[in-house]
Amino acid sequence: MRVKRGLAAHRRHKKFLDAAKGFRGARHRLYRTAREAVERSMQNSFEGRKHRKRDFRQLWILRINAGARLSGLSYSRFMHGLKVAGITLDRKVLADLAVFHKDDFAALVEKAKASLN
């Protein structure tokens, strides 16, 4: 008996065309261009998930540095002071304190300064 693959091909094509929803022009209409666009977008998504981790860490360090410098301490000396003082807060929490709870962050900076002396 002859096996026709129309349904399988249609489902395979539909999978890519559905994934290309929202793309402009031929990239959401034509199977081949849609497949290429979707594959590239998946590569970009994969890479983006790696970049997001770097970008947030960079942002946190920037915010901590700005907050520490308001109290006359550089980022590296502040982090070293925290380590010596035995305060283990991650950069995400420290950045949040530096932006939204300036008084608490200033108290941390003072503790770091005291532990350096």
PDB file of N, CA and C in Angstrom:
ATOM      1  N   MET A   1       0.841  -1.184   0.000  1.00  0.00           N
ATOM      2  CA  MET A   1       0.000   0.000   0.000  1.00  0.00           C
ATOM      3  C   MET A   1       0.886   1.247   0.000  1.00  0.00           C
ATOM      4  N   ARG A   2       0.477   2.219  -0.755  1.00  0.00           N
ATOM      5  CA  ARG A   2       1.252   3.445  -0.872  1.00  0.00           C
ATOM      6  C   ARG A   2       1.053   4.323   0.367  1.00  0.00           C
ATOM      7  N   VAL A   3       2.163   4.829   0.896  1.00  0.00           N
ATOM      8  CA  VAL A   3       2.100   5.713   2.063  1.00  0.00           C
ATOM      9  C   VAL A   3       2.310   7.140   1.596  1.00  0.00           C
ATOM     10  N   LYS A   4       1.325   7.969   1.847  1.00  0.00           N
ATOM     11  CA  LYS A   4       1.441   9.382   1.484  1.00  0.00           C
ATOM     12  C   LYS A   4       1.752  10.168   2.757  1.00  0.00           C
ATOM     13  N   ARG A   5       2.590  11.164   2.632  1.00  0.00           N
ATOM     14  CA  ARG A   5       3.079  11.862   3.822  1.00  0.00           C
ATOM     15  C   ARG A   5       2.560  13.288   3.926  1.00  0.00           C
ATOM     16  N   GLY A   6       1.429  13.539   3.286  1.00  0.00           N
ATOM     17  CA  GLY A   6       0.885  14.894   3.269  1.00  0.00           C
ATOM     18  C   GLY A   6       0.568  15.422   4.651  1.00  0.00           C
ATOM     19  N   LEU A   7      -0.053  14.599   5.480  1.00  0.00           N
ATOM     20  CA  LEU A   7      -0.441  15.045   6.814  1.00  0.00           C
ATOM     21  C   LEU A   7       0.787  15.335   7.679  1.00  0.00           C
ATOM     22  N   ALA A   8       1.777  14.451   7.607  1.00  0.00           N
ATOM     23  CA  ALA A   8       2.998  14.645   8.400  1.00  0.00           C
ATOM     24  C   ALA A   8       3.715  15.920   7.979  1.00  0.00           C
ATOM     25  N   ALA A   9       3.805  16.119   6.660  1.00  0.00           N
ATOM     26  CA  ALA A   9       4.481  17.320   6.154  1.00  0.00           C
ATOM     27  C   ALA A   9       3.711  18.571   6.566  1.00  0.00           C
ATOM     28  N   HIS A  10       2.388  18.483   6.474  1.00  0.00           N
ATOM     29  CA  HIS A  10       1.568  19.639   6.840  1.00  0.00           C
ATOM     30  C   HIS A  10       1.774  20.004   8.309  1.00  0.00           C
ATOM     31  N   ARG A  11       1.808  18.985   9.172  1.00  0.00           N
ATOM     32  CA  ARG A  11       2.011  19.239  10.602  1.00  0.00           C
ATOM     33  C   ARG A  11       3.391  19.829  10.870  1.00  0.00           C
ATOM     34  N   ARG A  12       4.395  19.299  10.156  1.00  0.00           N
ATOM     35  CA  ARG A  12       5.756  19.798  10.343  1.00  0.00           C
ATOM     36  C   ARG A  12       5.844  21.259   9.908  1.00  0.00           C
ATOM     37  N   HIS A  13       5.225  21.575   8.770  1.00  0.00           N
ATOM     38  CA  HIS A  13       5.238  22.949   8.273  1.00  0.00           C
ATOM     39  C   HIS A  13       4.469  23.867   9.227  1.00  0.00           C
ATOM     40  N   LYS A  14       3.329  23.380   9.682  1.00  0.00           N
ATOM     41  CA  LYS A  14       2.482  24.194  10.564  1.00  0.00           C
ATOM     42  C   LYS A  14       3.213  24.540  11.862  1.00  0.00           C
ATOM     43  N   LYS A  15       4.014  23.597  12.351  1.00  0.00           N
ATOM     44  CA  LYS A  15       4.762  23.822  13.585  1.00  0.00           C
ATOM     45  C   LYS A  15       5.681  25.040  13.442  1.00  0.00           C
ATOM     46  N   PHE A  16       6.381  25.128  12.310  1.00  0.00           N
ATOM     47  CA  PHE A  16       7.288  26.261  12.087  1.00  0.00           C
ATOM     48  C   PHE A  16       6.516  27.540  11.791  1.00  0.00           C
ATOM     49  N   LEU A  17       5.441  27.431  11.001  1.00  0.00           N
ATOM     50  CA  LEU A  17       4.673  28.624  10.666  1.00  0.00           C
ATOM     51  C   LEU A  17       3.994  29.203  11.912  1.00  0.00           C
ATOM     52  N   ASP A  18       3.550  28.341  12.827  1.00  0.00           N
ATOM     53  CA  ASP A  18       2.972  28.832  14.084  1.00  0.00           C
ATOM     54  C   ASP A  18       4.035  29.517  14.938  1.00  0.00           C
ATOM     55  N   ALA A  19       5.243  28.957  14.932  1.00  0.00           N
ATOM     56  CA  ALA A  19       6.333  29.546  15.716  1.00  0.00           C
ATOM     57  C   ALA A  19       6.755  30.895  15.144  1.00  0.00           C
ATOM     58  N   ALA A  20       6.500  31.105  13.842  1.00  0.00           N
ATOM     59  CA  ALA A  20       6.892  32.352  13.178  1.00  0.00           C
ATOM     60  C   ALA A  20       5.789  33.403  13.253  1.00  0.00           C
ATOM     61  N   LYS A  21       4.777  33.155  14.064  1.00  0.00           N
ATOM     62  CA  LYS A  21       3.686  34.111  14.203  1.00  0.00           C
ATOM     63  C   LYS A  21       4.239  35.437  14.727  1.00  0.00           C
ATOM     64  N   GLY A  22       3.837  36.525  14.099  1.00  0.00           N
ATOM     65  CA  GLY A  22       4.318  37.831  14.517  1.00  0.00           C
ATOM     66  C   GLY A  22       5.524  38.309  13.724  1.00  0.00           C
ATOM     67  N   PHE A  23       6.131  37.411  12.947  1.00  0.00           N
ATOM     68  CA  PHE A  23       7.241  37.814  12.091  1.00  0.00           C
ATOM     69  C   PHE A  23       6.673  38.584  10.903  1.00  0.00           C
ATOM     70  N   ARG A  24       7.497  39.430  10.288  1.00  0.00           N
ATOM     71  CA  ARG A  24       7.018  40.282   9.198  1.00  0.00           C
ATOM     72  C   ARG A  24       7.266  39.665   7.839  1.00  0.00           C
ATOM     73  N   GLY A  25       6.396  39.993   6.893  1.00  0.00           N
ATOM     74  CA  GLY A  25       6.584  39.610   5.493  1.00  0.00           C
ATOM     75  C   GLY A  25       6.550  38.115   5.273  1.00  0.00           C
ATOM     76  N   ALA A  26       7.450  37.655   4.394  1.00  0.00           N
ATOM     77  CA  ALA A  26       7.490  36.242   4.021  1.00  0.00           C
ATOM     78  C   ALA A  26       7.913  35.364   5.187  1.00  0.00           C
ATOM     79  N   ARG A  27       8.514  35.965   6.180  1.00  0.00           N
ATOM     80  CA  ARG A  27       9.043  35.182   7.303  1.00  0.00           C
ATOM     81  C   ARG A  27       7.942  34.505   8.117  1.00  0.00           C
ATOM     82  N   HIS A  28       6.697  34.920   7.954  1.00  0.00           N
ATOM     83  CA  HIS A  28       5.619  34.197   8.634  1.00  0.00           C
ATOM     84  C   HIS A  28       4.677  33.499   7.656  1.00  0.00           C
ATOM     85  N   ARG A  29       4.931  33.650   6.340  1.00  0.00           N
ATOM     86  CA  ARG A  29       4.051  33.046   5.339  1.00  0.00           C
ATOM     87  C   ARG A  29       4.662  31.832   4.655  1.00  0.00           C
ATOM     88  N   LEU A  30       5.912  31.941   4.263  1.00  0.00           N
ATOM     89  CA  LEU A  30       6.553  30.887   3.475  1.00  0.00           C
ATOM     90  C   LEU A  30       7.307  29.937   4.393  1.00  0.00           C
ATOM     91  N   TYR A  31       7.130  28.635   4.142  1.00  0.00           N
ATOM     92  CA  TYR A  31       7.693  27.632   5.051  1.00  0.00           C
ATOM     93  C   TYR A  31       9.199  27.762   5.192  1.00  0.00           C
ATOM     94  N   ARG A  32       9.901  27.836   4.079  1.00  0.00           N
ATOM     95  CA  ARG A  32      11.367  27.806   4.155  1.00  0.00           C
ATOM     96  C   ARG A  32      11.924  29.032   4.888  1.00  0.00           C
ATOM     97  N   THR A  33      11.444  30.200   4.513  1.00  0.00           N
ATOM     98  CA  THR A  33      11.945  31.410   5.177  1.00  0.00           C
ATOM     99  C   THR A  33      11.503  31.443   6.640  1.00  0.00           C
ATOM    100  N   ALA A  34      10.294  30.930   6.907  1.00  0.00           N
ATOM    101  CA  ALA A  34       9.819  30.876   8.292  1.00  0.00           C
ATOM    102  C   ALA A  34      10.698  29.941   9.108  1.00  0.00           C
ATOM    103  N   ARG A  35      11.041  28.786   8.530  1.00  0.00           N
ATOM    104  CA  ARG A  35      11.887  27.828   9.248  1.00  0.00           C
ATOM    105  C   ARG A  35      13.248  28.444   9.553  1.00  0.00           C
ATOM    106  N   GLU A  36      13.830  29.117   8.572  1.00  0.00           N
ATOM    107  CA  GLU A  36      15.137  29.749   8.776  1.00  0.00           C
ATOM    108  C   GLU A  36      15.051  30.830   9.861  1.00  0.00           C
ATOM    109  N   ALA A  37      13.971  31.615   9.811  1.00  0.00           N
ATOM    110  CA  ALA A  37      13.807  32.690  10.794  1.00  0.00           C
ATOM    111  C   ALA A  37      13.608  32.123  12.196  1.00  0.00           C
ATOM    112  N   VAL A  38      12.828  31.046  12.300  1.00  0.00           N
ATOM    113  CA  VAL A  38      12.567  30.436  13.609  1.00  0.00           C
ATOM    114  C   VAL A  38      13.843  29.821  14.161  1.00  0.00           C
ATOM    115  N   GLU A  39      14.606  29.139  13.310  1.00  0.00           N
ATOM    116  CA  GLU A  39      15.862  28.531  13.766  1.00  0.00           C
ATOM    117  C   GLU A  39      16.828  29.603  14.264  1.00  0.00           C
ATOM    118  N   ARG A  40      16.898  30.699  13.534  1.00  0.00           N
ATOM    119  CA  ARG A  40      17.780  31.792  13.957  1.00  0.00           C
ATOM    120  C   ARG A  40      17.274  32.407  15.266  1.00  0.00           C
ATOM    121  N   SER A  41      15.972  32.551  15.383  1.00  0.00           N
ATOM    122  CA  SER A  41      15.429  33.139  16.615  1.00  0.00           C
ATOM    123  C   SER A  41      15.693  32.237  17.815  1.00  0.00           C
ATOM    124  N   MET A  42      15.674  30.917  17.588  1.00  0.00           N
ATOM    125  CA  MET A  42      15.979  29.988  18.676  1.00  0.00           C
ATOM    126  C   MET A  42      17.445  30.105  19.086  1.00  0.00           C
ATOM    127  N   GLN A  43      18.321  30.293  18.114  1.00  0.00           N
ATOM    128  CA  GLN A  43      19.744  30.489  18.426  1.00  0.00           C
ATOM    129  C   GLN A  43      19.928  31.771  19.232  1.00  0.00           C
ATOM    130  N   ASN A  44      19.226  32.823  18.806  1.00  0.00           N
ATOM    131  CA  ASN A  44      19.329  34.094  19.521  1.00  0.00           C
ATOM    132  C   ASN A  44      18.774  33.985  20.938  1.00  0.00           C
ATOM    133  N   SER A  45      17.700  33.207  21.095  1.00  0.00           N
ATOM    134  CA  SER A  45      17.120  33.008  22.428  1.00  0.00           C
ATOM    135  C   SER A  45      18.103  32.290  23.331  1.00  0.00           C
ATOM    136  N   PHE A  46      18.753  31.270  22.788  1.00  0.00           N
ATOM    137  CA  PHE A  46      19.734  30.496  23.551  1.00  0.00           C
ATOM    138  C   PHE A  46      20.865  31.409  24.012  1.00  0.00           C
ATOM    139  N   GLU A  47      21.369  32.195  23.072  1.00  0.00           N
ATOM    140  CA  GLU A  47      22.465  33.118  23.382  1.00  0.00           C
ATOM    141  C   GLU A  47      21.996  34.180  24.382  1.00  0.00           C
ATOM    142  N   GLY A  48      20.755  34.647  24.199  1.00  0.00           N
ATOM    143  CA  GLY A  48      20.206  35.676  25.079  1.00  0.00           C
ATOM    144  C   GLY A  48      20.105  35.230  26.518  1.00  0.00           C
ATOM    145  N   ARG A  49      19.798  33.944  26.716  1.00  0.00           N
ATOM    146  CA  ARG A  49      19.711  33.429  28.086  1.00  0.00           C
ATOM    147  C   ARG A  49      21.070  33.444  28.763  1.00  0.00           C
ATOM    148  N   LYS A  50      22.130  33.278  27.995  1.00  0.00           N
ATOM    149  CA  LYS A  50      23.485  33.365  28.554  1.00  0.00           C
ATOM    150  C   LYS A  50      23.843  34.827  28.841  1.00  0.00           C
ATOM    151  N   HIS A  51      23.480  35.706  27.903  1.00  0.00           N
ATOM    152  CA  HIS A  51      23.805  37.131  28.042  1.00  0.00           C
ATOM    153  C   HIS A  51      23.054  37.764  29.211  1.00  0.00           C
ATOM    154  N   ARG A  52      21.821  37.303  29.437  1.00  0.00           N
ATOM    155  CA  ARG A  52      21.011  37.890  30.508  1.00  0.00           C
ATOM    156  C   ARG A  52      21.717  37.776  31.856  1.00  0.00           C
ATOM    157  N   LYS A  53      22.360  36.652  32.098  1.00  0.00           N
ATOM    158  CA  LYS A  53      23.074  36.444  33.362  1.00  0.00           C
ATOM    159  C   LYS A  53      24.220  37.445  33.500  1.00  0.00           C
ATOM    160  N   ARG A  54      24.965  37.636  32.395  1.00  0.00           N
ATOM    161  CA  ARG A  54      26.080  38.596  32.411  1.00  0.00           C
ATOM    162  C   ARG A  54      25.569  40.015  32.618  1.00  0.00           C
ATOM    163  N   ASP A  55      24.498  40.345  31.873  1.00  0.00           N
ATOM    164  CA  ASP A  55      23.989  41.712  31.891  1.00  0.00           C
ATOM    165  C   ASP A  55      23.475  42.107  33.275  1.00  0.00           C
ATOM    166  N   PHE A  56      22.758  41.188  33.923  1.00  0.00           N
ATOM    167  CA  PHE A  56      22.235  41.512  35.247  1.00  0.00           C
ATOM    168  C   PHE A  56      23.355  41.652  36.263  1.00  0.00           C
ATOM    169  N   ARG A  57      24.346  40.759  36.197  1.00  0.00           N
ATOM    170  CA  ARG A  57      25.473  40.875  37.127  1.00  0.00           C
ATOM    171  C   ARG A  57      26.168  42.222  36.936  1.00  0.00           C
ATOM    172  N   GLN A  58      26.339  42.633  35.683  1.00  0.00           N
ATOM    173  CA  GLN A  58      26.959  43.921  35.359  1.00  0.00           C
ATOM    174  C   GLN A  58      26.150  45.082  35.954  1.00  0.00           C
ATOM    175  N   LEU A  59      24.827  45.001  35.805  1.00  0.00           N
ATOM    176  CA  LEU A  59      23.942  46.042  36.325  1.00  0.00           C
ATOM    177  C   LEU A  59      24.022  46.118  37.848  1.00  0.00           C
ATOM    178  N   TRP A  60      24.014  44.941  38.491  1.00  0.00           N
ATOM    179  CA  TRP A  60      24.089  44.913  39.960  1.00  0.00           C
ATOM    180  C   TRP A  60      25.384  45.543  40.447  1.00  0.00           C
ATOM    181  N   ILE A  61      26.503  45.197  39.802  1.00  0.00           N
ATOM    182  CA  ILE A  61      27.803  45.741  40.202  1.00  0.00           C
ATOM    183  C   ILE A  61      27.817  47.256  40.025  1.00  0.00           C
ATOM    184  N   LEU A  62      27.240  47.720  38.918  1.00  0.00           N
ATOM    185  CA  LEU A  62      27.173  49.156  38.644  1.00  0.00           C
ATOM    186  C   LEU A  62      26.412  49.883  39.753  1.00  0.00           C
ATOM    187  N   ARG A  63      25.277  49.320  40.161  1.00  0.00           N
ATOM    188  CA  ARG A  63      24.451  49.950  41.190  1.00  0.00           C
ATOM    189  C   ARG A  63      25.130  49.921  42.558  1.00  0.00           C
ATOM    190  N   ILE A  64      25.772  48.800  42.874  1.00  0.00           N
ATOM    191  CA  ILE A  64      26.479  48.698  44.159  1.00  0.00           C
ATOM    192  C   ILE A  64      27.621  49.702  44.197  1.00  0.00           C
ATOM    193  N   ASN A  65      28.355  49.804  43.103  1.00  0.00           N
ATOM    194  CA  ASN A  65      29.480  50.738  43.015  1.00  0.00           C
ATOM    195  C   ASN A  65      29.002  52.173  43.220  1.00  0.00           C
ATOM    196  N   ALA A  66      27.892  52.524  42.558  1.00  0.00           N
ATOM    197  CA  ALA A  66      27.360  53.887  42.691  1.00  0.00           C
ATOM    198  C   ALA A  66      26.956  54.163  44.140  1.00  0.00           C
ATOM    199  N   GLY A  67      26.293  53.198  44.763  1.00  0.00           N
ATOM    200  CA  GLY A  67      25.865  53.379  46.152  1.00  0.00           C
ATOM    201  C   GLY A  67      27.034  53.468  47.114  1.00  0.00           C
ATOM    202  N   ALA A  68      28.049  52.638  46.886  1.00  0.00           N
ATOM    203  CA  ALA A  68      29.216  52.633  47.773  1.00  0.00           C
ATOM    204  C   ALA A  68      30.011  53.926  47.627  1.00  0.00           C
ATOM    205  N   ARG A  69      30.121  54.431  46.414  1.00  0.00           N
ATOM    206  CA  ARG A  69      30.896  55.656  46.183  1.00  0.00           C
ATOM    207  C   ARG A  69      30.235  56.880  46.824  1.00  0.00           C
ATOM    208  N   LEU A  70      28.912  56.836  47.002  1.00  0.00           N
ATOM    209  CA  LEU A  70      28.240  57.931  47.713  1.00  0.00           C
ATOM    210  C   LEU A  70      28.747  58.031  49.146  1.00  0.00           C
ATOM    211  N   SER A  71      29.166  56.895  49.691  1.00  0.00           N
ATOM    212  CA  SER A  71      29.708  56.878  51.057  1.00  0.00           C
ATOM    213  C   SER A  71      31.230  56.859  51.070  1.00  0.00           C
ATOM    214  N   GLY A  72      31.843  57.091  49.921  1.00  0.00           N
ATOM    215  CA  GLY A  72      33.298  57.224  49.851  1.00  0.00           C
ATOM    216  C   GLY A  72      34.066  55.920  49.839  1.00  0.00           C
ATOM    217  N   LEU A  73      33.513  54.890  49.223  1.00  0.00           N
ATOM    218  CA  LEU A  73      34.190  53.595  49.155  1.00  0.00           C
ATOM    219  C   LEU A  73      34.010  53.038  47.751  1.00  0.00           C
ATOM    220  N   SER A  74      35.070  52.450  47.201  1.00  0.00           N
ATOM    221  CA  SER A  74      34.934  51.851  45.872  1.00  0.00           C
ATOM    222  C   SER A  74      34.257  50.491  45.982  1.00  0.00           C
ATOM    223  N   TYR A  75      33.799  49.981  44.859  1.00  0.00           N
ATOM    224  CA  TYR A  75      33.096  48.688  44.840  1.00  0.00           C
ATOM    225  C   TYR A  75      33.970  47.571  45.392  1.00  0.00           C
ATOM    226  N   SER A  76      35.209  47.508  44.906  1.00  0.00           N
ATOM    227  CA  SER A  76      36.070  46.388  45.300  1.00  0.00           C
ATOM    228  C   SER A  76      36.399  46.440  46.794  1.00  0.00           C
ATOM    229  N   ARG A  77      36.665  47.645  47.309  1.00  0.00           N
ATOM    230  CA  ARG A  77      36.973  47.768  48.743  1.00  0.00           C
ATOM    231  C   ARG A  77      35.727  47.490  49.585  1.00  0.00           C
ATOM    232  N   PHE A  78      34.567  47.893  49.074  1.00  0.00           N
ATOM    233  CA  PHE A  78      33.312  47.618  49.774  1.00  0.00           C
ATOM    234  C   PHE A  78      33.059  46.114  49.872  1.00  0.00           C
ATOM    235  N   MET A  79      33.225  45.412  48.754  1.00  0.00           N
ATOM    236  CA  MET A  79      32.990  43.961  48.741  1.00  0.00           C
ATOM    237  C   MET A  79      34.000  43.248  49.645  1.00  0.00           C
ATOM    238  N   HIS A  80      35.242  43.721  49.624  1.00  0.00           N
ATOM    239  CA  HIS A  80      36.258  43.124  50.493  1.00  0.00           C
ATOM    240  C   HIS A  80      35.911  43.370  51.964  1.00  0.00           C
ATOM    241  N   GLY A  81      35.458  44.587  52.257  1.00  0.00           N
ATOM    242  CA  GLY A  81      35.060  44.918  53.622  1.00  0.00           C
ATOM    243  C   GLY A  81      33.910  44.046  54.110  1.00  0.00           C
ATOM    244  N   LEU A  82      32.949  43.784  53.233  1.00  0.00           N
ATOM    245  CA  LEU A  82      31.831  42.904  53.603  1.00  0.00           C
ATOM    246  C   LEU A  82      32.324  41.497  53.892  1.00  0.00           C
ATOM    247  N   LYS A  83      33.254  41.031  53.072  1.00  0.00           N
ATOM    248  CA  LYS A  83      33.781  39.675  53.253  1.00  0.00           C
ATOM    249  C   LYS A  83      34.523  39.563  54.584  1.00  0.00           C
ATOM    250  N   VAL A  84      35.337  40.569  54.888  1.00  0.00           N
ATOM    251  CA  VAL A  84      36.085  40.578  56.151  1.00  0.00           C
ATOM    252  C   VAL A  84      35.118  40.638  57.339  1.00  0.00           C
ATOM    253  N   ALA A  85      34.032  41.413  57.189  1.00  0.00           N
ATOM    254  CA  ALA A  85      33.047  41.559  58.264  1.00  0.00           C
ATOM    255  C   ALA A  85      32.171  40.319  58.413  1.00  0.00           C
ATOM    256  N   GLY A  86      32.263  39.404  57.456  1.00  0.00           N
ATOM    257  CA  GLY A  86      31.462  38.180  57.527  1.00  0.00           C
ATOM    258  C   GLY A  86      30.026  38.364  57.079  1.00  0.00           C
ATOM    259  N   ILE A  87      29.784  39.388  56.274  1.00  0.00           N
ATOM    260  CA  ILE A  87      28.434  39.641  55.751  1.00  0.00           C
ATOM    261  C   ILE A  87      28.333  38.991  54.375  1.00  0.00           C
ATOM    262  N   THR A  88      27.421  38.040  54.249  1.00  0.00           N
ATOM    263  CA  THR A  88      27.294  37.313  52.979  1.00  0.00           C
ATOM    264  C   THR A  88      25.953  37.639  52.329  1.00  0.00           C
ATOM    265  N   LEU A  89      25.916  38.731  51.611  1.00  0.00           N
ATOM    266  CA  LEU A  89      24.750  39.088  50.802  1.00  0.00           C
ATOM    267  C   LEU A  89      25.181  39.053  49.347  1.00  0.00           C
ATOM    268  N   ASP A  90      24.328  38.512  48.482  1.00  0.00           N
ATOM    269  CA  ASP A  90      24.709  38.454  47.072  1.00  0.00           C
ATOM    270  C   ASP A  90      24.514  39.819  46.403  1.00  0.00           C
ATOM    271  N   ARG A  91      25.049  39.935  45.215  1.00  0.00           N
ATOM    272  CA  ARG A  91      25.044  41.220  44.512  1.00  0.00           C
ATOM    273  C   ARG A  91      23.629  41.686  44.174  1.00  0.00           C
ATOM    274  N   LYS A  92      22.745  40.742  43.913  1.00  0.00           N
ATOM    275  CA  LYS A  92      21.365  41.102  43.583  1.00  0.00           C
ATOM    276  C   LYS A  92      20.707  41.826  44.756  1.00  0.00           C
ATOM    277  N   VAL A  93      20.871  41.287  45.948  1.00  0.00           N
ATOM    278  CA  VAL A  93      20.282  41.888  47.151  1.00  0.00           C
ATOM    279  C   VAL A  93      20.952  43.220  47.462  1.00  0.00           C
ATOM    280  N   LEU A  94      22.277  43.261  47.333  1.00  0.00           N
ATOM    281  CA  LEU A  94      23.009  44.506  47.604  1.00  0.00           C
ATOM    282  C   LEU A  94      22.571  45.616  46.651  1.00  0.00           C
ATOM    283  N   ALA A  95      22.388  45.268  45.372  1.00  0.00           N
ATOM    284  CA  ALA A  95      21.954  46.260  44.386  1.00  0.00           C
ATOM    285  C   ALA A  95      20.558  46.766  44.725  1.00  0.00           C
ATOM    286  N   ASP A  96      19.684  45.871  45.158  1.00  0.00           N
ATOM    287  CA  ASP A  96      18.328  46.260  45.547  1.00  0.00           C
ATOM    288  C   ASP A  96      18.368  47.215  46.744  1.00  0.00           C
ATOM    289  N   LEU A  97      19.219  46.896  47.714  1.00  0.00           N
ATOM    290  CA  LEU A  97      19.373  47.782  48.874  1.00  0.00           C
ATOM    291  C   LEU A  97      19.905  49.148  48.447  1.00  0.00           C
ATOM    292  N   ALA A  98      20.879  49.149  47.538  1.00  0.00           N
ATOM    293  CA  ALA A  98      21.499  50.404  47.094  1.00  0.00           C
ATOM    294  C   ALA A  98      20.488  51.312  46.400  1.00  0.00           C
ATOM    295  N   VAL A  99      19.523  50.720  45.698  1.00  0.00           N
ATOM    296  CA  VAL A  99      18.559  51.522  44.942  1.00  0.00           C
ATOM    297  C   VAL A  99      17.341  51.899  45.786  1.00  0.00           C
ATOM    298  N   PHE A 100      16.778  50.930  46.509  1.00  0.00           N
ATOM    299  CA  PHE A 100      15.492  51.159  47.168  1.00  0.00           C
ATOM    300  C   PHE A 100      15.573  51.389  48.680  1.00  0.00           C
ATOM    301  N   HIS A 101      16.684  51.009  49.303  1.00  0.00           N
ATOM    302  CA  HIS A 101      16.826  51.166  50.758  1.00  0.00           C
ATOM    303  C   HIS A 101      18.195  51.785  51.054  1.00  0.00           C
ATOM    304  N   LYS A 102      18.324  53.052  50.701  1.00  0.00           N
ATOM    305  CA  LYS A 102      19.623  53.724  50.766  1.00  0.00           C
ATOM    306  C   LYS A 102      20.191  53.794  52.191  1.00  0.00           C
ATOM    307  N   ASP A 103      19.323  53.978  53.183  1.00  0.00           N
ATOM    308  CA  ASP A 103      19.797  54.073  54.574  1.00  0.00           C
ATOM    309  C   ASP A 103      20.408  52.756  55.036  1.00  0.00           C
ATOM    310  N   ASP A 104      19.732  51.653  54.714  1.00  0.00           N
ATOM    311  CA  ASP A 104      20.252  50.336  55.096  1.00  0.00           C
ATOM    312  C   ASP A 104      21.569  50.048  54.384  1.00  0.00           C
ATOM    313  N   PHE A 105      21.639  50.448  53.118  1.00  0.00           N
ATOM    314  CA  PHE A 105      22.869  50.230  52.351  1.00  0.00           C
ATOM    315  C   PHE A 105      24.012  51.060  52.937  1.00  0.00           C
ATOM    316  N   ALA A 106      23.703  52.300  53.335  1.00  0.00           N
ATOM    317  CA  ALA A 106      24.730  53.159  53.942  1.00  0.00           C
ATOM    318  C   ALA A 106      25.259  52.536  55.233  1.00  0.00           C
ATOM    319  N   ALA A 107      24.371  51.893  55.991  1.00  0.00           N
ATOM    320  CA  ALA A 107      24.800  51.216  57.221  1.00  0.00           C
ATOM    321  C   ALA A 107      25.739  50.054  56.891  1.00  0.00           C
ATOM    322  N   LEU A 108      25.438  49.339  55.819  1.00  0.00           N
ATOM    323  CA  LEU A 108      26.320  48.243  55.379  1.00  0.00           C
ATOM    324  C   LEU A 108      27.686  48.780  54.971  1.00  0.00           C
ATOM    325  N   VAL A 109      27.678  49.917  54.275  1.00  0.00           N
ATOM    326  CA  VAL A 109      28.947  50.521  53.844  1.00  0.00           C
ATOM    327  C   VAL A 109      29.778  50.905  55.065  1.00  0.00           C
ATOM    328  N   GLU A 110      29.122  51.439  56.080  1.00  0.00           N
ATOM    329  CA  GLU A 110      29.840  51.814  57.304  1.00  0.00           C
ATOM    330  C   GLU A 110      30.430  50.584  57.996  1.00  0.00           C
ATOM    331  N   LYS A 111      29.682  49.479  58.008  1.00  0.00           N
ATOM    332  CA  LYS A 111      30.208  48.238  58.596  1.00  0.00           C
ATOM    333  C   LYS A 111      31.412  47.741  57.808  1.00  0.00           C
ATOM    334  N   ALA A 112      31.326  47.853  56.480  1.00  0.00           N
ATOM    335  CA  ALA A 112      32.440  47.427  55.628  1.00  0.00           C
ATOM    336  C   ALA A 112      33.665  48.302  55.882  1.00  0.00           C
ATOM    337  N   LYS A 113      33.440  49.618  56.030  1.00  0.00           N
ATOM    338  CA  LYS A 113      34.538  50.545  56.324  1.00  0.00           C
ATOM    339  C   LYS A 113      35.197  50.191  57.653  1.00  0.00           C
ATOM    340  N   ALA A 114      34.366  49.922  58.654  1.00  0.00           N
ATOM    341  CA  ALA A 114      34.878  49.609  59.991  1.00  0.00           C
ATOM    342  C   ALA A 114      35.703  48.324  59.976  1.00  0.00           C
ATOM    343  N   SER A 115      35.294  47.358  59.192  1.00  0.00           N
ATOM    344  CA  SER A 115      36.030  46.083  59.148  1.00  0.00           C
ATOM    345  C   SER A 115      37.349  46.220  58.391  1.00  0.00           C
ATOM    346  N   LEU A 116      37.455  47.237  57.541  1.00  0.00           N
ATOM    347  CA  LEU A 116      38.706  47.447  56.792  1.00  0.00           C
ATOM    348  C   LEU A 116      39.784  48.066  57.678  1.00  0.00           C
ATOM    349  N   ASN A 117      39.376  48.820  58.686  1.00  0.00           N
ATOM    350  CA  ASN A 117      40.353  49.502  59.557  1.00  0.00           C
ATOM    351  C   ASN A 117      40.868  48.594  60.644  1.00  0.00           C
TER     352      ASN A 117
END
